[in-house]
Amino acid sequence: MVDERSPAEPSVAERLPAEPPVEERSQVEPSVGEHSVGELVHRATEQLSQLVRQELTLAKLELTEKGRRMGRGGELLGAAGAIGYVGLIALAGAATAALSLVLPVWAAALIVTGVLFAIAGVLALVGRSQLRRAARPVPEEMLGSVKADVEVIKERARHR
């Protein structure tokens, strides 16, 4: 995947509130043998809850960033389309004027209109196929982080 951020722009994960990871906090606390089962379940529930909140915050930041980037791109494409449309109108007028030198004006206008509709049809078909193949805006960093968290939890469960 190509990183489209500027070098000075922090990643989504870097913008999360600074909290020590679950594994660092659990190493500072007393060992498992010093707590009751109820306390251990309570701690595990709190840690899982905090982990879910952090992952949701990461997903929100990532999707916001992707949405902002898509919005900027859409604005620029819209402006380019508007200017291109004006140019196409001028080109259609020039083509009609040139063809009217050898054909009646109505025939020249009809030919230019037919060509423009054919081009529009081809562009519509290509655009539709591109939209069908477009990727969903998935929070990829968050999904990777969740997978890593699951692996850490599985590994710890195997060692106990």
N, C-alpha and C. Protein backbone atom coordinates (compact mmCIF):
# COMPACT_ATOMS: atom_id res chain seq x y z
N MET A 1 0.84 -1.17 0.00
CA MET A 1 0.00 0.00 0.00
C MET A 1 0.89 1.23 0.00
N VAL A 2 0.58 2.22 -0.78
CA VAL A 2 1.35 3.44 -0.88
C VAL A 2 0.87 4.41 0.18
N ASP A 3 1.81 4.99 0.95
CA ASP A 3 1.47 5.95 1.97
C ASP A 3 1.38 7.32 1.33
N GLU A 4 0.17 7.91 1.33
CA GLU A 4 -0.06 9.17 0.64
C GLU A 4 0.13 10.38 1.56
N ARG A 5 0.57 10.16 2.80
CA ARG A 5 0.74 11.27 3.72
C ARG A 5 2.05 12.00 3.41
N SER A 6 2.07 13.27 3.79
CA SER A 6 3.32 14.01 3.68
C SER A 6 4.24 13.54 4.81
N PRO A 7 5.57 13.70 4.68
CA PRO A 7 6.48 13.20 5.70
C PRO A 7 6.22 13.81 7.08
N ALA A 8 5.74 15.04 7.16
CA ALA A 8 5.53 15.70 8.44
C ALA A 8 4.20 15.31 9.07
N GLU A 9 3.30 14.71 8.35
CA GLU A 9 1.96 14.38 8.85
C GLU A 9 2.03 13.09 9.65
N PRO A 10 1.56 13.09 10.92
CA PRO A 10 1.62 11.88 11.74
C PRO A 10 0.58 10.87 11.27
N SER A 11 0.87 9.60 11.51
CA SER A 11 -0.10 8.56 11.13
C SER A 11 -1.27 8.60 12.10
N VAL A 12 -2.30 7.87 11.75
CA VAL A 12 -3.49 7.82 12.60
C VAL A 12 -3.14 7.27 13.97
N ALA A 13 -2.35 6.21 14.01
CA ALA A 13 -1.98 5.60 15.28
C ALA A 13 -1.16 6.56 16.14
N GLU A 14 -0.35 7.39 15.53
CA GLU A 14 0.47 8.34 16.29
C GLU A 14 -0.37 9.44 16.92
N ARG A 15 -1.59 9.66 16.41
CA ARG A 15 -2.45 10.71 16.94
C ARG A 15 -3.37 10.21 18.05
N LEU A 16 -3.31 8.94 18.39
CA LEU A 16 -4.13 8.42 19.47
C LEU A 16 -3.62 8.97 20.80
N PRO A 17 -4.50 9.08 21.81
CA PRO A 17 -4.06 9.52 23.13
C PRO A 17 -2.99 8.58 23.66
N ALA A 18 -1.97 9.15 24.30
CA ALA A 18 -0.85 8.36 24.79
C ALA A 18 -1.27 7.59 26.03
N GLU A 19 -1.41 6.29 25.91
CA GLU A 19 -1.69 5.39 27.02
C GLU A 19 -0.78 4.19 26.85
N PRO A 20 -0.26 3.68 27.95
CA PRO A 20 0.60 2.51 27.80
C PRO A 20 -0.20 1.33 27.30
N PRO A 21 0.39 0.50 26.43
CA PRO A 21 -0.31 -0.68 25.92
C PRO A 21 -0.69 -1.61 27.07
N VAL A 22 -1.67 -2.46 26.81
CA VAL A 22 -2.17 -3.38 27.82
C VAL A 22 -1.06 -4.24 28.38
N GLU A 23 -0.16 -4.75 27.53
CA GLU A 23 0.88 -5.64 28.01
C GLU A 23 1.86 -4.93 28.94
N GLU A 24 2.14 -3.62 28.71
CA GLU A 24 3.05 -2.89 29.59
C GLU A 24 2.41 -2.66 30.95
N ARG A 25 1.13 -2.35 31.00
CA ARG A 25 0.44 -2.10 32.27
C ARG A 25 0.38 -3.39 33.08
N SER A 26 0.14 -4.51 32.45
CA SER A 26 -0.01 -5.75 33.19
C SER A 26 1.32 -6.24 33.75
N GLN A 27 2.45 -5.85 33.17
CA GLN A 27 3.75 -6.26 33.68
C GLN A 27 4.11 -5.49 34.95
N VAL A 28 3.57 -4.28 35.12
CA VAL A 28 3.87 -3.46 36.28
C VAL A 28 3.07 -3.94 37.49
N GLU A 29 1.89 -4.48 37.26
CA GLU A 29 1.02 -4.90 38.34
C GLU A 29 1.50 -6.23 38.93
N PRO A 30 1.01 -6.55 40.14
CA PRO A 30 1.43 -7.81 40.79
C PRO A 30 1.09 -9.02 39.94
N SER A 31 1.73 -10.13 40.24
CA SER A 31 1.53 -11.35 39.45
C SER A 31 0.14 -11.93 39.69
N VAL A 32 -0.23 -12.90 38.87
CA VAL A 32 -1.56 -13.49 38.87
C VAL A 32 -1.87 -14.15 40.21
N GLY A 33 -0.93 -14.80 40.85
CA GLY A 33 -1.16 -15.52 42.08
C GLY A 33 -1.57 -14.64 43.25
N GLU A 34 -1.36 -13.35 43.20
CA GLU A 34 -1.66 -12.45 44.30
C GLU A 34 -3.07 -11.89 44.23
N HIS A 35 -3.88 -12.20 43.23
CA HIS A 35 -5.22 -11.66 43.07
C HIS A 35 -6.25 -12.77 43.04
N SER A 36 -7.47 -12.42 43.46
CA SER A 36 -8.56 -13.38 43.39
C SER A 36 -9.05 -13.48 41.95
N VAL A 37 -9.84 -14.52 41.68
CA VAL A 37 -10.38 -14.71 40.34
C VAL A 37 -11.27 -13.54 39.96
N GLY A 38 -12.06 -13.05 40.92
CA GLY A 38 -12.94 -11.92 40.66
C GLY A 38 -12.15 -10.68 40.26
N GLU A 39 -11.03 -10.43 40.97
CA GLU A 39 -10.20 -9.27 40.63
C GLU A 39 -9.58 -9.43 39.24
N LEU A 40 -9.14 -10.65 38.94
CA LEU A 40 -8.54 -10.90 37.63
C LEU A 40 -9.56 -10.71 36.51
N VAL A 41 -10.78 -11.19 36.71
CA VAL A 41 -11.83 -11.02 35.71
C VAL A 41 -12.15 -9.54 35.55
N HIS A 42 -12.22 -8.82 36.68
CA HIS A 42 -12.50 -7.38 36.63
C HIS A 42 -11.40 -6.65 35.86
N ARG A 43 -10.12 -6.97 36.15
CA ARG A 43 -9.01 -6.33 35.43
C ARG A 43 -9.05 -6.65 33.95
N ALA A 44 -9.32 -7.93 33.63
CA ALA A 44 -9.37 -8.34 32.22
C ALA A 44 -10.50 -7.60 31.50
N THR A 45 -11.63 -7.47 32.15
CA THR A 45 -12.77 -6.76 31.56
C THR A 45 -12.42 -5.29 31.32
N GLU A 46 -11.79 -4.65 32.31
CA GLU A 46 -11.38 -3.25 32.15
C GLU A 46 -10.39 -3.09 31.00
N GLN A 47 -9.41 -3.99 30.95
CA GLN A 47 -8.39 -3.90 29.90
C GLN A 47 -9.00 -4.14 28.52
N LEU A 48 -9.90 -5.09 28.42
CA LEU A 48 -10.56 -5.36 27.15
C LEU A 48 -11.41 -4.17 26.73
N SER A 49 -12.11 -3.60 27.69
CA SER A 49 -12.93 -2.42 27.41
C SER A 49 -12.07 -1.27 26.91
N GLN A 50 -10.95 -1.04 27.57
CA GLN A 50 -10.05 0.03 27.15
C GLN A 50 -9.46 -0.26 25.77
N LEU A 51 -9.12 -1.51 25.52
CA LEU A 51 -8.58 -1.89 24.22
C LEU A 51 -9.61 -1.64 23.11
N VAL A 52 -10.86 -2.00 23.34
CA VAL A 52 -11.91 -1.77 22.35
C VAL A 52 -12.09 -0.28 22.10
N ARG A 53 -12.08 0.53 23.17
CA ARG A 53 -12.21 1.99 23.00
C ARG A 53 -11.06 2.54 22.17
N GLN A 54 -9.85 2.07 22.43
CA GLN A 54 -8.69 2.55 21.66
C GLN A 54 -8.81 2.15 20.20
N GLU A 55 -9.25 0.93 19.93
CA GLU A 55 -9.39 0.49 18.55
C GLU A 55 -10.48 1.28 17.83
N LEU A 56 -11.57 1.59 18.52
CA LEU A 56 -12.62 2.40 17.91
C LEU A 56 -12.14 3.82 17.63
N THR A 57 -11.34 4.36 18.54
CA THR A 57 -10.77 5.69 18.31
C THR A 57 -9.85 5.67 17.10
N LEU A 58 -9.04 4.63 16.98
CA LEU A 58 -8.16 4.49 15.83
C LEU A 58 -8.96 4.39 14.53
N ALA A 59 -10.02 3.59 14.54
CA ALA A 59 -10.85 3.45 13.34
C ALA A 59 -11.49 4.78 12.96
N LYS A 60 -11.97 5.50 13.95
CA LYS A 60 -12.61 6.81 13.69
C LYS A 60 -11.61 7.78 13.07
N LEU A 61 -10.42 7.86 13.65
CA LEU A 61 -9.39 8.77 13.12
C LEU A 61 -9.00 8.38 11.70
N GLU A 62 -8.85 7.08 11.47
CA GLU A 62 -8.42 6.62 10.14
C GLU A 62 -9.48 6.90 9.08
N LEU A 63 -10.74 6.64 9.40
CA LEU A 63 -11.80 6.89 8.44
C LEU A 63 -12.00 8.39 8.20
N THR A 64 -11.82 9.20 9.24
CA THR A 64 -11.91 10.65 9.07
C THR A 64 -10.82 11.14 8.13
N GLU A 65 -9.62 10.63 8.31
CA GLU A 65 -8.50 11.02 7.45
C GLU A 65 -8.75 10.61 6.00
N LYS A 66 -9.22 9.39 5.79
CA LYS A 66 -9.51 8.93 4.44
C LYS A 66 -10.64 9.72 3.81
N GLY A 67 -11.66 10.04 4.60
CA GLY A 67 -12.78 10.83 4.09
C GLY A 67 -12.35 12.23 3.68
N ARG A 68 -11.49 12.84 4.48
CA ARG A 68 -11.00 14.18 4.16
C ARG A 68 -10.21 14.15 2.84
N ARG A 69 -9.38 13.14 2.68
CA ARG A 69 -8.58 13.02 1.46
C ARG A 69 -9.48 12.80 0.24
N MET A 70 -10.51 11.97 0.40
CA MET A 70 -11.43 11.71 -0.69
C MET A 70 -12.22 12.98 -1.04
N GLY A 71 -12.57 13.77 -0.03
CA GLY A 71 -13.29 15.01 -0.28
C GLY A 71 -12.48 16.00 -1.09
N ARG A 72 -11.20 16.13 -0.74
CA ARG A 72 -10.32 17.03 -1.50
C ARG A 72 -10.19 16.56 -2.94
N GLY A 73 -10.02 15.28 -3.14
CA GLY A 73 -9.90 14.74 -4.49
C GLY A 73 -11.18 14.95 -5.28
N GLY A 74 -12.32 14.76 -4.63
CA GLY A 74 -13.60 14.96 -5.30
C GLY A 74 -13.81 16.41 -5.72
N GLU A 75 -13.40 17.34 -4.87
CA GLU A 75 -13.52 18.76 -5.21
C GLU A 75 -12.69 19.10 -6.45
N LEU A 76 -11.47 18.61 -6.47
CA LEU A 76 -10.59 18.89 -7.62
C LEU A 76 -11.13 18.25 -8.89
N LEU A 77 -11.63 17.04 -8.78
CA LEU A 77 -12.21 16.39 -9.96
C LEU A 77 -13.45 17.13 -10.44
N GLY A 78 -14.24 17.64 -9.53
CA GLY A 78 -15.42 18.42 -9.92
C GLY A 78 -15.05 19.69 -10.66
N ALA A 79 -14.03 20.39 -10.16
CA ALA A 79 -13.57 21.61 -10.83
C ALA A 79 -13.02 21.29 -12.22
N ALA A 80 -12.25 20.22 -12.32
CA ALA A 80 -11.70 19.82 -13.61
C ALA A 80 -12.83 19.45 -14.58
N GLY A 81 -13.85 18.78 -14.08
CA GLY A 81 -14.98 18.41 -14.92
C GLY A 81 -15.74 19.63 -15.44
N ALA A 82 -15.92 20.63 -14.58
CA ALA A 82 -16.63 21.84 -15.00
C ALA A 82 -15.86 22.59 -16.09
N ILE A 83 -14.57 22.72 -15.90
CA ILE A 83 -13.74 23.41 -16.91
C ILE A 83 -13.68 22.59 -18.20
N GLY A 84 -13.58 21.28 -18.05
CA GLY A 84 -13.59 20.41 -19.23
C GLY A 84 -14.90 20.50 -19.99
N TYR A 85 -16.00 20.64 -19.27
CA TYR A 85 -17.32 20.76 -19.90
C TYR A 85 -17.40 22.03 -20.75
N VAL A 86 -16.89 23.13 -20.22
CA VAL A 86 -16.88 24.39 -20.98
C VAL A 86 -16.02 24.22 -22.23
N GLY A 87 -14.87 23.57 -22.08
CA GLY A 87 -14.01 23.33 -23.24
C GLY A 87 -14.67 22.44 -24.27
N LEU A 88 -15.41 21.45 -23.81
CA LEU A 88 -16.11 20.55 -24.74
C LEU A 88 -17.20 21.30 -25.52
N ILE A 89 -17.89 22.21 -24.86
CA ILE A 89 -18.90 23.00 -25.56
C ILE A 89 -18.24 23.84 -26.65
N ALA A 90 -17.10 24.46 -26.31
CA ALA A 90 -16.39 25.27 -27.31
C ALA A 90 -15.90 24.39 -28.47
N LEU A 91 -15.40 23.20 -28.15
CA LEU A 91 -14.93 22.28 -29.18
C LEU A 91 -16.08 21.82 -30.07
N ALA A 92 -17.23 21.55 -29.46
CA ALA A 92 -18.40 21.13 -30.25
C ALA A 92 -18.83 22.25 -31.21
N GLY A 93 -18.79 23.47 -30.73
CA GLY A 93 -19.13 24.61 -31.60
C GLY A 93 -18.15 24.74 -32.75
N ALA A 94 -16.86 24.58 -32.44
CA ALA A 94 -15.85 24.68 -33.49
C ALA A 94 -15.99 23.54 -34.51
N ALA A 95 -16.26 22.33 -34.02
CA ALA A 95 -16.43 21.19 -34.92
C ALA A 95 -17.66 21.37 -35.81
N THR A 96 -18.74 21.87 -35.22
CA THR A 96 -19.94 22.12 -36.00
C THR A 96 -19.69 23.18 -37.07
N ALA A 97 -18.99 24.24 -36.70
CA ALA A 97 -18.67 25.30 -37.66
C ALA A 97 -17.79 24.77 -38.79
N ALA A 98 -16.82 23.92 -38.45
CA ALA A 98 -15.93 23.37 -39.48
C ALA A 98 -16.70 22.44 -40.42
N LEU A 99 -17.55 21.58 -39.86
CA LEU A 99 -18.32 20.67 -40.70
C LEU A 99 -19.36 21.42 -41.56
N SER A 100 -19.82 22.56 -41.05
CA SER A 100 -20.83 23.30 -41.81
C SER A 100 -20.25 23.92 -43.09
N LEU A 101 -18.94 23.89 -43.24
CA LEU A 101 -18.31 24.37 -44.48
C LEU A 101 -18.56 23.39 -45.63
N VAL A 102 -18.75 22.10 -45.30
CA VAL A 102 -18.95 21.09 -46.36
C VAL A 102 -20.33 20.44 -46.30
N LEU A 103 -21.08 20.62 -45.21
CA LEU A 103 -22.41 20.04 -45.03
C LEU A 103 -23.37 21.15 -44.60
N PRO A 104 -24.66 20.89 -44.69
CA PRO A 104 -25.60 21.85 -44.12
C PRO A 104 -25.38 21.94 -42.61
N VAL A 105 -25.69 23.08 -42.00
CA VAL A 105 -25.45 23.30 -40.58
C VAL A 105 -26.18 22.26 -39.74
N TRP A 106 -27.42 21.91 -40.07
CA TRP A 106 -28.17 20.93 -39.28
C TRP A 106 -27.47 19.57 -39.29
N ALA A 107 -26.91 19.17 -40.42
CA ALA A 107 -26.22 17.88 -40.52
C ALA A 107 -24.92 17.91 -39.71
N ALA A 108 -24.20 19.02 -39.77
CA ALA A 108 -22.97 19.15 -39.00
C ALA A 108 -23.26 19.07 -37.50
N ALA A 109 -24.32 19.77 -37.06
CA ALA A 109 -24.70 19.74 -35.64
C ALA A 109 -25.13 18.34 -35.22
N LEU A 110 -25.85 17.64 -36.07
CA LEU A 110 -26.30 16.29 -35.76
C LEU A 110 -25.12 15.32 -35.64
N ILE A 111 -24.15 15.42 -36.52
CA ILE A 111 -22.97 14.55 -36.47
C ILE A 111 -22.17 14.80 -35.19
N VAL A 112 -21.93 16.07 -34.86
CA VAL A 112 -21.17 16.40 -33.64
C VAL A 112 -21.91 15.91 -32.41
N THR A 113 -23.22 16.07 -32.36
CA THR A 113 -24.02 15.61 -31.22
C THR A 113 -23.94 14.09 -31.09
N GLY A 114 -24.05 13.37 -32.19
CA GLY A 114 -23.94 11.91 -32.16
C GLY A 114 -22.60 11.44 -31.63
N VAL A 115 -21.52 12.08 -32.07
CA VAL A 115 -20.18 11.72 -31.59
C VAL A 115 -20.06 11.97 -30.09
N LEU A 116 -20.59 13.10 -29.62
CA LEU A 116 -20.51 13.42 -28.19
C LEU A 116 -21.31 12.41 -27.35
N PHE A 117 -22.48 12.00 -27.83
CA PHE A 117 -23.27 11.00 -27.10
C PHE A 117 -22.57 9.64 -27.09
N ALA A 118 -21.90 9.29 -28.16
CA ALA A 118 -21.15 8.02 -28.20
C ALA A 118 -20.02 8.04 -27.18
N ILE A 119 -19.29 9.17 -27.12
CA ILE A 119 -18.20 9.30 -26.14
C ILE A 119 -18.76 9.23 -24.72
N ALA A 120 -19.89 9.90 -24.47
CA ALA A 120 -20.51 9.87 -23.14
C ALA A 120 -20.91 8.45 -22.74
N GLY A 121 -21.43 7.68 -23.68
CA GLY A 121 -21.81 6.30 -23.39
C GLY A 121 -20.63 5.43 -23.01
N VAL A 122 -19.54 5.57 -23.75
CA VAL A 122 -18.32 4.80 -23.44
C VAL A 122 -17.79 5.19 -22.07
N LEU A 123 -17.73 6.48 -21.78
CA LEU A 123 -17.25 6.94 -20.47
C LEU A 123 -18.13 6.45 -19.33
N ALA A 124 -19.44 6.43 -19.54
CA ALA A 124 -20.36 5.93 -18.52
C ALA A 124 -20.12 4.45 -18.23
N LEU A 125 -19.91 3.66 -19.27
CA LEU A 125 -19.65 2.22 -19.07
C LEU A 125 -18.33 1.99 -18.35
N VAL A 126 -17.30 2.72 -18.72
CA VAL A 126 -16.00 2.57 -18.06
C VAL A 126 -16.10 3.02 -16.61
N GLY A 127 -16.78 4.14 -16.37
CA GLY A 127 -16.94 4.64 -15.01
C GLY A 127 -17.69 3.67 -14.12
N ARG A 128 -18.76 3.07 -14.64
CA ARG A 128 -19.53 2.10 -13.88
C ARG A 128 -18.68 0.88 -13.52
N SER A 129 -17.87 0.41 -14.46
CA SER A 129 -17.03 -0.75 -14.15
C SER A 129 -15.97 -0.40 -13.11
N GLN A 130 -15.46 0.83 -13.15
CA GLN A 130 -14.48 1.25 -12.14
C GLN A 130 -15.12 1.33 -10.76
N LEU A 131 -16.34 1.84 -10.67
CA LEU A 131 -17.02 1.93 -9.38
C LEU A 131 -17.30 0.55 -8.80
N ARG A 132 -17.59 -0.40 -9.64
CA ARG A 132 -17.85 -1.76 -9.15
C ARG A 132 -16.59 -2.40 -8.57
N ARG A 133 -15.43 -2.01 -9.09
CA ARG A 133 -14.17 -2.58 -8.60
C ARG A 133 -13.54 -1.76 -7.49
N ALA A 134 -14.15 -0.65 -7.10
CA ALA A 134 -13.56 0.24 -6.09
C ALA A 134 -13.52 -0.45 -4.74
N ALA A 135 -12.48 -0.17 -4.00
CA ALA A 135 -12.31 -0.74 -2.66
C ALA A 135 -13.15 0.04 -1.65
N ARG A 136 -13.64 -0.68 -0.66
CA ARG A 136 -14.40 -0.03 0.39
C ARG A 136 -13.45 0.76 1.29
N PRO A 137 -13.93 1.85 1.89
CA PRO A 137 -13.07 2.61 2.81
C PRO A 137 -12.95 1.89 4.14
N VAL A 138 -12.01 0.96 4.24
CA VAL A 138 -11.84 0.13 5.42
C VAL A 138 -10.73 0.72 6.28
N PRO A 139 -10.93 0.78 7.60
CA PRO A 139 -9.87 1.27 8.48
C PRO A 139 -8.76 0.23 8.63
N GLU A 140 -7.82 0.21 7.70
CA GLU A 140 -6.81 -0.84 7.62
C GLU A 140 -5.86 -0.85 8.81
N GLU A 141 -5.45 0.33 9.30
CA GLU A 141 -4.55 0.37 10.45
C GLU A 141 -5.22 -0.25 11.67
N MET A 142 -6.50 0.09 11.89
CA MET A 142 -7.21 -0.44 13.03
C MET A 142 -7.36 -1.94 12.93
N LEU A 143 -7.67 -2.46 11.75
CA LEU A 143 -7.81 -3.91 11.58
C LEU A 143 -6.49 -4.63 11.86
N GLY A 144 -5.39 -4.05 11.40
CA GLY A 144 -4.08 -4.63 11.68
C GLY A 144 -3.77 -4.62 13.16
N SER A 145 -4.14 -3.54 13.82
CA SER A 145 -3.91 -3.42 15.26
C SER A 145 -4.76 -4.44 16.03
N VAL A 146 -6.01 -4.63 15.63
CA VAL A 146 -6.87 -5.61 16.29
C VAL A 146 -6.30 -7.02 16.10
N LYS A 147 -5.85 -7.32 14.90
CA LYS A 147 -5.27 -8.65 14.65
C LYS A 147 -4.04 -8.88 15.53
N ALA A 148 -3.21 -7.85 15.67
CA ALA A 148 -2.03 -7.97 16.53
C ALA A 148 -2.44 -8.17 17.99
N ASP A 149 -3.48 -7.45 18.43
CA ASP A 149 -3.96 -7.61 19.81
C ASP A 149 -4.47 -9.02 20.04
N VAL A 150 -5.21 -9.56 19.10
CA VAL A 150 -5.73 -10.92 19.23
C VAL A 150 -4.58 -11.92 19.32
N GLU A 151 -3.55 -11.73 18.52
CA GLU A 151 -2.40 -12.63 18.56
C GLU A 151 -1.70 -12.57 19.92
N VAL A 152 -1.55 -11.37 20.49
CA VAL A 152 -0.92 -11.23 21.81
C VAL A 152 -1.76 -11.94 22.86
N ILE A 153 -3.07 -11.77 22.80
CA ILE A 153 -3.96 -12.42 23.77
C ILE A 153 -3.88 -13.94 23.64
N LYS A 154 -3.89 -14.45 22.41
CA LYS A 154 -3.77 -15.89 22.19
C LYS A 154 -2.45 -16.43 22.72
N GLU A 155 -1.38 -15.70 22.45
CA GLU A 155 -0.05 -16.15 22.90
C GLU A 155 0.03 -16.19 24.41
N ARG A 156 -0.53 -15.20 25.07
CA ARG A 156 -0.51 -15.18 26.53
C ARG A 156 -1.38 -16.30 27.10
N ALA A 157 -2.50 -16.58 26.43
CA ALA A 157 -3.37 -17.65 26.92
C ALA A 157 -2.69 -19.00 26.83
N ARG A 158 -1.85 -19.19 25.81
CA ARG A 158 -1.13 -20.47 25.63
C ARG A 158 -0.05 -20.66 26.70
N HIS A 159 0.56 -19.55 27.17
CA HIS A 159 1.65 -19.65 28.11
C HIS A 159 1.16 -19.78 29.56
N ARG A 160 -0.11 -19.66 29.82
CA ARG A 160 -0.62 -19.74 31.21
C ARG A 160 -1.16 -21.08 31.52
